[in-house]
Amino acid sequence: MDMKFYVMWAVFLTICLLIVLFSRRINRQIKEDGIETTGVVSSVTDSGEPGEIDIRVQVRYLTEDGEEVEGILINAPNDMVPGQRVRIKYHPKYKMNPRLIEIL
């Protein structure tokens, strides 16, 4: 193996580590400083290959300052349907990635 191979792997692993750390930071900030609100599921799409389930749930909600946002609902179950009301938590910095609290 040449040096280029090891450098490429080091760069790849560093990028993966940064993504994990950033994701944990966002989750912590939402948990500690997030704002709860009610939203409505606007669309549910399955972008998986045949035999796979890869559900993407979008939810529309109003922020505390009245802005309407449509974000991708993180941690959504596979059986959600458009029009379903949900209780979510979002962080003002990361409005596009709310977390599901409960299905209403």
Protein backbone atom coordinates (compact mmCIF):
# COMPACT_ATOMS: atom_id res chain seq x y z
CA MET A 1 0.00 0.00 0.00
CA ASP A 2 1.26 3.41 -0.82
CA MET A 3 1.09 6.59 1.25
CA LYS A 4 -1.75 8.03 -0.86
CA PHE A 5 -4.03 5.18 0.28
CA TYR A 6 -3.40 5.91 3.97
CA VAL A 7 -3.87 9.65 3.50
CA MET A 8 -7.20 9.09 1.73
CA TRP A 9 -8.41 6.84 4.57
CA ALA A 10 -7.27 9.38 7.18
CA VAL A 11 -9.19 12.15 5.40
CA PHE A 12 -12.28 9.94 5.08
CA LEU A 13 -12.22 8.97 8.77
CA THR A 14 -11.68 12.59 9.82
CA ILE A 15 -14.70 13.71 7.78
CA CYS A 16 -16.83 10.92 9.30
CA LEU A 17 -15.74 11.93 12.81
CA LEU A 18 -16.60 15.58 12.16
CA ILE A 19 -20.06 14.62 10.88
CA VAL A 20 -20.74 12.53 13.99
CA LEU A 21 -19.53 15.29 16.32
CA PHE A 22 -21.61 17.94 14.53
CA SER A 23 -24.70 15.72 14.65
CA ARG A 24 -24.27 15.14 18.39
CA ARG A 25 -23.85 18.87 18.93
CA ILE A 26 -27.10 19.60 17.08
CA ASN A 27 -28.95 16.91 19.04
CA ARG A 28 -27.65 18.28 22.34
CA GLN A 29 -28.60 21.86 21.44
CA ILE A 30 -32.11 20.80 20.41
CA LYS A 31 -32.53 18.79 23.61
CA GLU A 32 -31.29 21.62 25.86
CA ASP A 33 -32.51 24.76 24.07
CA GLY A 34 -35.11 23.49 21.63
CA ILE A 35 -38.57 24.96 21.26
CA GLU A 36 -41.66 22.74 21.22
CA THR A 37 -44.47 23.32 18.78
CA THR A 38 -47.13 21.46 16.81
CA GLY A 39 -46.66 20.66 13.14
CA VAL A 40 -48.41 18.81 10.33
CA VAL A 41 -46.83 16.10 8.19
CA SER A 42 -46.78 17.57 4.69
CA SER A 43 -45.34 14.63 2.75
CA VAL A 44 -44.04 11.11 3.18
CA THR A 45 -41.82 9.66 0.47
CA ASP A 46 -40.04 6.34 0.18
CA SER A 47 -36.83 6.74 -1.75
CA GLY A 48 -35.53 3.24 -1.04
CA GLU A 49 -34.80 0.55 -3.57
CA PRO A 50 -37.38 -2.21 -4.04
CA GLY A 51 -37.40 -4.26 -0.85
CA GLU A 52 -35.87 -1.40 1.18
CA ILE A 53 -37.58 1.19 3.33
CA ASP A 54 -36.07 4.66 3.23
CA ILE A 55 -38.82 6.97 4.45
CA ARG A 56 -38.46 10.75 4.33
CA VAL A 57 -41.07 12.65 6.32
CA GLN A 58 -41.49 16.38 5.86
CA VAL A 59 -43.31 18.45 8.45
CA ARG A 60 -44.64 22.00 8.19
CA TYR A 61 -44.77 24.17 11.31
CA LEU A 62 -44.64 27.75 12.56
CA THR A 63 -41.65 28.97 14.54
CA GLU A 64 -42.14 31.09 17.63
CA ASP A 65 -41.54 34.22 15.51
CA GLY A 66 -44.25 33.23 13.00
CA GLU A 67 -42.06 31.89 10.20
CA GLU A 68 -43.52 28.90 8.35
CA VAL A 69 -40.92 26.16 7.96
CA GLU A 70 -41.00 22.84 6.16
CA GLY A 71 -38.28 20.58 7.48
CA ILE A 72 -37.29 16.94 7.40
CA LEU A 73 -38.56 15.20 10.50
CA ILE A 74 -35.74 13.37 12.20
CA ASN A 75 -36.58 10.07 13.96
CA ALA A 76 -39.98 9.65 12.29
CA PRO A 77 -41.61 6.21 12.29
CA ASN A 78 -42.37 4.50 8.97
CA ASP A 79 -46.16 4.62 9.35
CA MET A 80 -46.68 8.39 9.22
CA VAL A 81 -49.18 9.89 6.76
CA PRO A 82 -49.67 13.38 5.29
CA GLY A 83 -51.99 15.53 7.37
CA GLN A 84 -50.99 13.87 10.64
CA ARG A 85 -50.43 16.28 13.52
CA VAL A 86 -47.20 15.92 15.50
CA ARG A 87 -45.51 17.55 18.45
CA ILE A 88 -41.93 18.49 17.56
CA LYS A 89 -38.91 20.23 19.01
CA TYR A 90 -36.62 22.43 16.92
CA HIS A 91 -33.68 24.73 17.50
CA PRO A 92 -33.81 28.22 15.95
CA LYS A 93 -30.42 27.60 14.28
CA TYR A 94 -31.49 24.25 12.81
CA LYS A 95 -35.12 24.82 11.83
CA MET A 96 -34.99 22.36 8.94
CA ASN A 97 -34.25 19.38 11.25
CA PRO A 98 -36.93 19.15 13.93
CA ARG A 99 -37.17 16.14 16.25
CA LEU A 100 -40.37 14.20 16.84
CA ILE A 101 -41.69 14.30 20.40
CA GLU A 102 -45.07 12.62 19.90
CA ILE A 103 -47.77 11.89 17.36
CA LEU A 104 -51.02 13.68 18.18
